[in-house]
Amino acid sequence: MKPINEVHVAEPGLVVVEVAAADDETAFAFQEALAARWATATAERTSRVPGEPGVRLRCYLDLRQPSGSDDMHEQSNT
């Protein structure tokens, strides 16, 4: 994977998540779980590192912004 760019962690609440998983399905399921909770720039594909097990993906989260589904959940509870 490429090095993490400074802009991706320039402010409190910005997070870079690197995932290692056995397969694409598992990696994307984890990414989907993150995206259900926080604003997330998702990966469209995984990568493989020669000589290392499994797949990798990187996604970017903004913990300051809940996902749209959280907003809908809060509105339904009021």
PDB file of N, CA and C in Angstrom:
ATOM      1  N   MET A   1       0.843  -1.185   0.000  1.00  0.00           N
ATOM      2  CA  MET A   1       0.000   0.000   0.000  1.00  0.00           C
ATOM      3  C   MET A   1       0.884   1.242   0.000  1.00  0.00           C
ATOM      4  N   LYS A   2       0.322   2.287  -0.546  1.00  0.00           N
ATOM      5  CA  LYS A   2       1.034   3.560  -0.569  1.00  0.00           C
ATOM      6  C   LYS A   2       1.108   4.129   0.847  1.00  0.00           C
ATOM      7  N   PRO A   3       2.084   4.989   1.117  1.00  0.00           N
ATOM      8  CA  PRO A   3       2.148   5.642   2.426  1.00  0.00           C
ATOM      9  C   PRO A   3       0.884   6.472   2.681  1.00  0.00           C
ATOM     10  N   ILE A   4       0.557   6.659   3.945  1.00  0.00           N
ATOM     11  CA  ILE A   4      -0.594   7.476   4.321  1.00  0.00           C
ATOM     12  C   ILE A   4      -0.246   8.938   4.078  1.00  0.00           C
ATOM     13  N   ASN A   5      -1.144   9.647   3.408  1.00  0.00           N
ATOM     14  CA  ASN A   5      -0.953  11.058   3.100  1.00  0.00           C
ATOM     15  C   ASN A   5      -1.316  11.897   4.328  1.00  0.00           C
ATOM     16  N   GLU A   6      -0.520  12.909   4.607  1.00  0.00           N
ATOM     17  CA  GLU A   6      -0.732  13.760   5.783  1.00  0.00           C
ATOM     18  C   GLU A   6      -2.141  14.359   5.835  1.00  0.00           C
ATOM     19  N   VAL A   7      -2.705  14.690   4.697  1.00  0.00           N
ATOM     20  CA  VAL A   7      -4.033  15.304   4.663  1.00  0.00           C
ATOM     21  C   VAL A   7      -5.108  14.360   5.218  1.00  0.00           C
ATOM     22  N   HIS A   8      -4.887  13.056   5.140  1.00  0.00           N
ATOM     23  CA  HIS A   8      -5.876  12.094   5.628  1.00  0.00           C
ATOM     24  C   HIS A   8      -5.962  12.034   7.145  1.00  0.00           C
ATOM     25  N   VAL A   9      -4.965  12.576   7.838  1.00  0.00           N
ATOM     26  CA  VAL A   9      -4.981  12.599   9.308  1.00  0.00           C
ATOM     27  C   VAL A   9      -4.646  13.994   9.829  1.00  0.00           C
ATOM     28  N   ALA A  10      -4.988  15.011   9.063  1.00  0.00           N
ATOM     29  CA  ALA A  10      -4.603  16.386   9.383  1.00  0.00           C
ATOM     30  C   ALA A  10      -5.385  16.990  10.544  1.00  0.00           C
ATOM     31  N   GLU A  11      -6.531  16.429  10.883  1.00  0.00           N
ATOM     32  CA  GLU A  11      -7.371  16.993  11.936  1.00  0.00           C
ATOM     33  C   GLU A  11      -7.869  15.890  12.858  1.00  0.00           C
ATOM     34  N   PRO A  12      -8.163  16.240  14.130  1.00  0.00           N
ATOM     35  CA  PRO A  12      -8.757  15.254  15.022  1.00  0.00           C
ATOM     36  C   PRO A  12     -10.066  14.726  14.434  1.00  0.00           C
ATOM     37  N   GLY A  13     -10.265  13.447  14.531  1.00  0.00           N
ATOM     38  CA  GLY A  13     -11.475  12.820  14.013  1.00  0.00           C
ATOM     39  C   GLY A  13     -11.293  12.139  12.667  1.00  0.00           C
ATOM     40  N   LEU A  14     -10.176  12.412  11.977  1.00  0.00           N
ATOM     41  CA  LEU A  14      -9.903  11.753  10.703  1.00  0.00           C
ATOM     42  C   LEU A  14      -9.085  10.501  10.962  1.00  0.00           C
ATOM     43  N   VAL A  15      -9.481   9.393  10.360  1.00  0.00           N
ATOM     44  CA  VAL A  15      -8.857   8.102  10.630  1.00  0.00           C
ATOM     45  C   VAL A  15      -8.597   7.361   9.319  1.00  0.00           C
ATOM     46  N   VAL A  16      -7.440   6.736   9.234  1.00  0.00           N
ATOM     47  CA  VAL A  16      -7.136   5.828   8.132  1.00  0.00           C
ATOM     48  C   VAL A  16      -7.163   4.421   8.714  1.00  0.00           C
ATOM     49  N   VAL A  17      -7.971   3.550   8.120  1.00  0.00           N
ATOM     50  CA  VAL A  17      -8.094   2.175   8.604  1.00  0.00           C
ATOM     51  C   VAL A  17      -7.528   1.242   7.545  1.00  0.00           C
ATOM     52  N   GLU A  18      -6.530   0.469   7.926  1.00  0.00           N
ATOM     53  CA  GLU A  18      -5.977  -0.552   7.042  1.00  0.00           C
ATOM     54  C   GLU A  18      -6.433  -1.907   7.559  1.00  0.00           C
ATOM     55  N   VAL A  19      -7.030  -2.681   6.675  1.00  0.00           N
ATOM     56  CA  VAL A  19      -7.637  -3.956   7.045  1.00  0.00           C
ATOM     57  C   VAL A  19      -6.871  -5.095   6.386  1.00  0.00           C
ATOM     58  N   ALA A  20      -6.593  -6.121   7.156  1.00  0.00           N
ATOM     59  CA  ALA A  20      -6.074  -7.380   6.620  1.00  0.00           C
ATOM     60  C   ALA A  20      -7.136  -8.431   6.922  1.00  0.00           C
ATOM     61  N   ALA A  21      -7.529  -9.178   5.905  1.00  0.00           N
ATOM     62  CA  ALA A  21      -8.582 -10.180   6.075  1.00  0.00           C
ATOM     63  C   ALA A  21      -8.271 -11.404   5.224  1.00  0.00           C
ATOM     64  N   ALA A  22      -8.939 -12.491   5.526  1.00  0.00           N
ATOM     65  CA  ALA A  22      -8.707 -13.739   4.800  1.00  0.00           C
ATOM     66  C   ALA A  22      -9.134 -13.649   3.341  1.00  0.00           C
ATOM     67  N   ASP A  23     -10.208 -12.861   3.078  1.00  0.00           N
ATOM     68  CA  ASP A  23     -10.728 -12.794   1.710  1.00  0.00           C
ATOM     69  C   ASP A  23     -11.429 -11.463   1.475  1.00  0.00           C
ATOM     70  N   ASP A  24     -11.774 -11.213   0.209  1.00  0.00           N
ATOM     71  CA  ASP A  24     -12.449  -9.967  -0.158  1.00  0.00           C
ATOM     72  C   ASP A  24     -13.764  -9.794   0.594  1.00  0.00           C
ATOM     73  N   GLU A  25     -14.549 -10.855   0.668  1.00  0.00           N
ATOM     74  CA  GLU A  25     -15.862 -10.776   1.309  1.00  0.00           C
ATOM     75  C   GLU A  25     -15.744 -10.281   2.749  1.00  0.00           C
ATOM     76  N   THR A  26     -14.789 -10.803   3.489  1.00  0.00           N
ATOM     77  CA  THR A  26     -14.594 -10.399   4.880  1.00  0.00           C
ATOM     78  C   THR A  26     -14.136  -8.951   4.972  1.00  0.00           C
ATOM     79  N   ALA A  27     -13.183  -8.567   4.140  1.00  0.00           N
ATOM     80  CA  ALA A  27     -12.668  -7.195   4.155  1.00  0.00           C
ATOM     81  C   ALA A  27     -13.774  -6.195   3.840  1.00  0.00           C
ATOM     82  N   PHE A  28     -14.578  -6.483   2.814  1.00  0.00           N
ATOM     83  CA  PHE A  28     -15.647  -5.563   2.440  1.00  0.00           C
ATOM     84  C   PHE A  28     -16.772  -5.544   3.472  1.00  0.00           C
ATOM     85  N   ALA A  29     -17.030  -6.664   4.134  1.00  0.00           N
ATOM     86  CA  ALA A  29     -18.044  -6.697   5.195  1.00  0.00           C
ATOM     87  C   ALA A  29     -17.623  -5.802   6.354  1.00  0.00           C
ATOM     88  N   PHE A  30     -16.344  -5.839   6.706  1.00  0.00           N
ATOM     89  CA  PHE A  30     -15.851  -4.980   7.782  1.00  0.00           C
ATOM     90  C   PHE A  30     -15.954  -3.515   7.371  1.00  0.00           C
ATOM     91  N   GLN A  31     -15.554  -3.213   6.146  1.00  0.00           N
ATOM     92  CA  GLN A  31     -15.639  -1.842   5.648  1.00  0.00           C
ATOM     93  C   GLN A  31     -17.095  -1.353   5.671  1.00  0.00           C
ATOM     94  N   GLU A  32     -18.025  -2.220   5.289  1.00  0.00           N
ATOM     95  CA  GLU A  32     -19.445  -1.866   5.299  1.00  0.00           C
ATOM     96  C   GLU A  32     -19.927  -1.562   6.717  1.00  0.00           C
ATOM     97  N   ALA A  33     -19.440  -2.323   7.697  1.00  0.00           N
ATOM     98  CA  ALA A  33     -19.810  -2.072   9.092  1.00  0.00           C
ATOM     99  C   ALA A  33     -19.316  -0.699   9.544  1.00  0.00           C
ATOM    100  N   LEU A  34     -18.105  -0.325   9.138  1.00  0.00           N
ATOM    101  CA  LEU A  34     -17.589   1.006   9.467  1.00  0.00           C
ATOM    102  C   LEU A  34     -18.429   2.090   8.799  1.00  0.00           C
ATOM    103  N   ALA A  35     -18.741   1.884   7.526  1.00  0.00           N
ATOM    104  CA  ALA A  35     -19.495   2.881   6.760  1.00  0.00           C
ATOM    105  C   ALA A  35     -20.915   3.060   7.291  1.00  0.00           C
ATOM    106  N   ALA A  36     -21.455   2.041   7.948  1.00  0.00           N
ATOM    107  CA  ALA A  36     -22.788   2.152   8.529  1.00  0.00           C
ATOM    108  C   ALA A  36     -22.794   3.084   9.734  1.00  0.00           C
ATOM    109  N   ARG A  37     -21.637   3.301  10.317  1.00  0.00           N
ATOM    110  CA  ARG A  37     -21.542   4.117  11.536  1.00  0.00           C
ATOM    111  C   ARG A  37     -20.979   5.514  11.292  1.00  0.00           C
ATOM    112  N   TRP A  38     -19.977   5.626  10.425  1.00  0.00           N
ATOM    113  CA  TRP A  38     -19.300   6.908  10.197  1.00  0.00           C
ATOM    114  C   TRP A  38     -19.202   7.227   8.712  1.00  0.00           C
ATOM    115  N   ALA A  39     -19.027   8.511   8.417  1.00  0.00           N
ATOM    116  CA  ALA A  39     -18.764   8.922   7.036  1.00  0.00           C
ATOM    117  C   ALA A  39     -17.465   8.253   6.601  1.00  0.00           C
ATOM    118  N   THR A  40     -17.512   7.525   5.509  1.00  0.00           N
ATOM    119  CA  THR A  40     -16.380   6.700   5.091  1.00  0.00           C
ATOM    120  C   THR A  40     -16.131   6.825   3.600  1.00  0.00           C
ATOM    121  N   ALA A  41     -14.879   7.055   3.241  1.00  0.00           N
ATOM    122  CA  ALA A  41     -14.458   6.940   1.843  1.00  0.00           C
ATOM    123  C   ALA A  41     -14.011   5.496   1.677  1.00  0.00           C
ATOM    124  N   THR A  42     -14.801   4.717   0.977  1.00  0.00           N
ATOM    125  CA  THR A  42     -14.567   3.277   0.901  1.00  0.00           C
ATOM    126  C   THR A  42     -13.634   2.895  -0.236  1.00  0.00           C
ATOM    127  N   ALA A  43     -13.034   1.734  -0.080  1.00  0.00           N
ATOM    128  CA  ALA A  43     -12.192   1.154  -1.126  1.00  0.00           C
ATOM    129  C   ALA A  43     -13.075   0.361  -2.077  1.00  0.00           C
ATOM    130  N   GLU A  44     -12.733   0.379  -3.336  1.00  0.00           N
ATOM    131  CA  GLU A  44     -13.489  -0.385  -4.331  1.00  0.00           C
ATOM    132  C   GLU A  44     -12.878  -1.752  -4.587  1.00  0.00           C
ATOM    133  N   ARG A  45     -11.621  -1.924  -4.169  1.00  0.00           N
ATOM    134  CA  ARG A  45     -10.965  -3.209  -4.394  1.00  0.00           C
ATOM    135  C   ARG A  45      -9.974  -3.463  -3.266  1.00  0.00           C
ATOM    136  N   THR A  46      -9.600  -4.705  -3.135  1.00  0.00           N
ATOM    137  CA  THR A  46      -8.567  -5.083  -2.176  1.00  0.00           C
ATOM    138  C   THR A  46      -7.256  -5.266  -2.931  1.00  0.00           C
ATOM    139  N   SER A  47      -6.190  -5.467  -2.169  1.00  0.00           N
ATOM    140  CA  SER A  47      -4.895  -5.767  -2.791  1.00  0.00           C
ATOM    141  C   SER A  47      -4.286  -6.962  -2.075  1.00  0.00           C
ATOM    142  N   ARG A  48      -3.345  -7.576  -2.726  1.00  0.00           N
ATOM    143  CA  ARG A  48      -2.601  -8.697  -2.138  1.00  0.00           C
ATOM    144  C   ARG A  48      -1.134  -8.321  -2.097  1.00  0.00           C
ATOM    145  N   VAL A  49      -0.481  -8.702  -1.022  1.00  0.00           N
ATOM    146  CA  VAL A  49       0.953  -8.476  -0.877  1.00  0.00           C
ATOM    147  C   VAL A  49       1.636  -9.825  -1.070  1.00  0.00           C
ATOM    148  N   PRO A  50       2.483  -9.943  -2.081  1.00  0.00           N
ATOM    149  CA  PRO A  50       3.168 -11.223  -2.311  1.00  0.00           C
ATOM    150  C   PRO A  50       3.883 -11.709  -1.045  1.00  0.00           C
ATOM    151  N   GLY A  51       3.676 -12.974  -0.735  1.00  0.00           N
ATOM    152  CA  GLY A  51       4.320 -13.570   0.431  1.00  0.00           C
ATOM    153  C   GLY A  51       3.576 -13.360   1.735  1.00  0.00           C
ATOM    154  N   GLU A  52       2.494 -12.565   1.726  1.00  0.00           N
ATOM    155  CA  GLU A  52       1.695 -12.339   2.930  1.00  0.00           C
ATOM    156  C   GLU A  52       0.307 -12.942   2.726  1.00  0.00           C
ATOM    157  N   PRO A  53      -0.273 -13.487   3.793  1.00  0.00           N
ATOM    158  CA  PRO A  53      -1.593 -14.112   3.654  1.00  0.00           C
ATOM    159  C   PRO A  53      -2.708 -13.081   3.506  1.00  0.00           C
ATOM    160  N   GLY A  54      -3.788 -13.487   2.875  1.00  0.00           N
ATOM    161  CA  GLY A  54      -4.998 -12.683   2.822  1.00  0.00           C
ATOM    162  C   GLY A  54      -4.942 -11.491   1.896  1.00  0.00           C
ATOM    163  N   VAL A  55      -5.914 -10.601   2.094  1.00  0.00           N
ATOM    164  CA  VAL A  55      -6.052  -9.389   1.290  1.00  0.00           C
ATOM    165  C   VAL A  55      -5.968  -8.171   2.202  1.00  0.00           C
ATOM    166  N   ARG A  56      -5.743  -7.020   1.596  1.00  0.00           N
ATOM    167  CA  ARG A  56      -5.662  -5.760   2.335  1.00  0.00           C
ATOM    168  C   ARG A  56      -6.600  -4.758   1.681  1.00  0.00           C
ATOM    169  N   LEU A  57      -7.113  -3.845   2.493  1.00  0.00           N
ATOM    170  CA  LEU A  57      -7.798  -2.678   1.951  1.00  0.00           C
ATOM    171  C   LEU A  57      -7.605  -1.524   2.915  1.00  0.00           C
ATOM    172  N   ARG A  58      -7.760  -0.333   2.393  1.00  0.00           N
ATOM    173  CA  ARG A  58      -7.626   0.877   3.204  1.00  0.00           C
ATOM    174  C   ARG A  58      -8.853   1.737   2.951  1.00  0.00           C
ATOM    175  N   CYS A  59      -9.440   2.227   4.035  1.00  0.00           N
ATOM    176  CA  CYS A  59     -10.541   3.172   3.904  1.00  0.00           C
ATOM    177  C   CYS A  59     -10.297   4.337   4.856  1.00  0.00           C
ATOM    178  N   TYR A  60     -11.028   5.398   4.627  1.00  0.00           N
ATOM    179  CA  TYR A  60     -10.818   6.651   5.350  1.00  0.00           C
ATOM    180  C   TYR A  60     -12.114   7.035   6.044  1.00  0.00           C
ATOM    181  N   LEU A  61     -12.039   7.318   7.350  1.00  0.00           N
ATOM    182  CA  LEU A  61     -13.217   7.660   8.135  1.00  0.00           C
ATOM    183  C   LEU A  61     -13.111   9.076   8.662  1.00  0.00           C
ATOM    184  N   ASP A  62     -14.271   9.697   8.816  1.00  0.00           N
ATOM    185  CA  ASP A  62     -14.371  10.983   9.490  1.00  0.00           C
ATOM    186  C   ASP A  62     -15.307  10.774  10.668  1.00  0.00           C
ATOM    187  N   LEU A  63     -14.740  10.628  11.857  1.00  0.00           N
ATOM    188  CA  LEU A  63     -15.533  10.343  13.052  1.00  0.00           C
ATOM    189  C   LEU A  63     -16.403  11.522  13.466  1.00  0.00           C
ATOM    190  N   ARG A  64     -16.138  12.691  12.893  1.00  0.00           N
ATOM    191  CA  ARG A  64     -16.926  13.880  13.225  1.00  0.00           C
ATOM    192  C   ARG A  64     -18.270  13.871  12.514  1.00  0.00           C
ATOM    193  N   GLN A  65     -18.414  13.035  11.492  1.00  0.00           N
ATOM    194  CA  GLN A  65     -19.638  13.004  10.691  1.00  0.00           C
ATOM    195  C   GLN A  65     -20.255  11.615  10.737  1.00  0.00           C
ATOM    196  N   PRO A  66     -21.391  11.483  11.403  1.00  0.00           N
ATOM    197  CA  PRO A  66     -22.052  10.178  11.384  1.00  0.00           C
ATOM    198  C   PRO A  66     -22.556   9.876   9.982  1.00  0.00           C
ATOM    199  N   SER A  67     -22.757   8.614   9.715  1.00  0.00           N
ATOM    200  CA  SER A  67     -23.295   8.226   8.405  1.00  0.00           C
ATOM    201  C   SER A  67     -24.743   8.668   8.298  1.00  0.00           C
ATOM    202  N   GLY A  68     -25.271   8.686   7.100  1.00  0.00           N
ATOM    203  CA  GLY A  68     -26.666   9.058   6.875  1.00  0.00           C
ATOM    204  C   GLY A  68     -27.633   8.156   7.604  1.00  0.00           C
ATOM    205  N   SER A  69     -27.292   6.873   7.753  1.00  0.00           N
ATOM    206  CA  SER A  69     -28.190   5.946   8.436  1.00  0.00           C
ATOM    207  C   SER A  69     -28.317   6.286   9.914  1.00  0.00           C
ATOM    208  N   ASP A  70     -27.253   6.829  10.532  1.00  0.00           N
ATOM    209  CA  ASP A  70     -27.341   7.252  11.930  1.00  0.00           C
ATOM    210  C   ASP A  70     -28.301   8.425  12.077  1.00  0.00           C
ATOM    211  N   ASP A  71     -28.254   9.375  11.138  1.00  0.00           N
ATOM    212  CA  ASP A  71     -29.156  10.512  11.182  1.00  0.00           C
ATOM    213  C   ASP A  71     -30.601  10.045  11.107  1.00  0.00           C
ATOM    214  N   MET A  72     -30.883   9.090  10.226  1.00  0.00           N
ATOM    215  CA  MET A  72     -32.233   8.572  10.082  1.00  0.00           C
ATOM    216  C   MET A  72     -32.660   7.857  11.355  1.00  0.00           C
ATOM    217  N   HIS A  73     -31.746   7.123  11.990  1.00  0.00           N
ATOM    218  CA  HIS A  73     -32.047   6.404  13.228  1.00  0.00           C
ATOM    219  C   HIS A  73     -32.406   7.400  14.323  1.00  0.00           C
ATOM    220  N   GLU A  74     -31.635   8.485  14.453  1.00  0.00           N
ATOM    221  CA  GLU A  74     -31.907   9.485  15.478  1.00  0.00           C
ATOM    222  C   GLU A  74     -33.263  10.137  15.249  1.00  0.00           C
ATOM    223  N   GLN A  75     -33.621  10.440  13.995  1.00  0.00           N
ATOM    224  CA  GLN A  75     -34.894  11.066  13.694  1.00  0.00           C
ATOM    225  C   GLN A  75     -36.048  10.135  14.031  1.00  0.00           C
ATOM    226  N   SER A  76     -35.890   8.844  13.810  1.00  0.00           N
ATOM    227  CA  SER A  76     -36.974   7.906  14.088  1.00  0.00           C
ATOM    228  C   SER A  76     -37.173   7.698  15.579  1.00  0.00           C
ATOM    229  N   ASN A  77     -36.161   8.026  16.390  1.00  0.00           N
ATOM    230  CA  ASN A  77     -36.271   7.875  17.835  1.00  0.00           C
ATOM    231  C   ASN A  77     -36.850   9.111  18.509  1.00  0.00           C
ATOM    232  N   THR A  78     -37.108  10.178  17.755  1.00  0.00           N
ATOM    233  CA  THR A  78     -37.629  11.402  18.373  1.00  0.00           C
ATOM    234  C   THR A  78     -39.111  11.542  18.170  1.00  0.00           C
TER     235      THR A  78
END
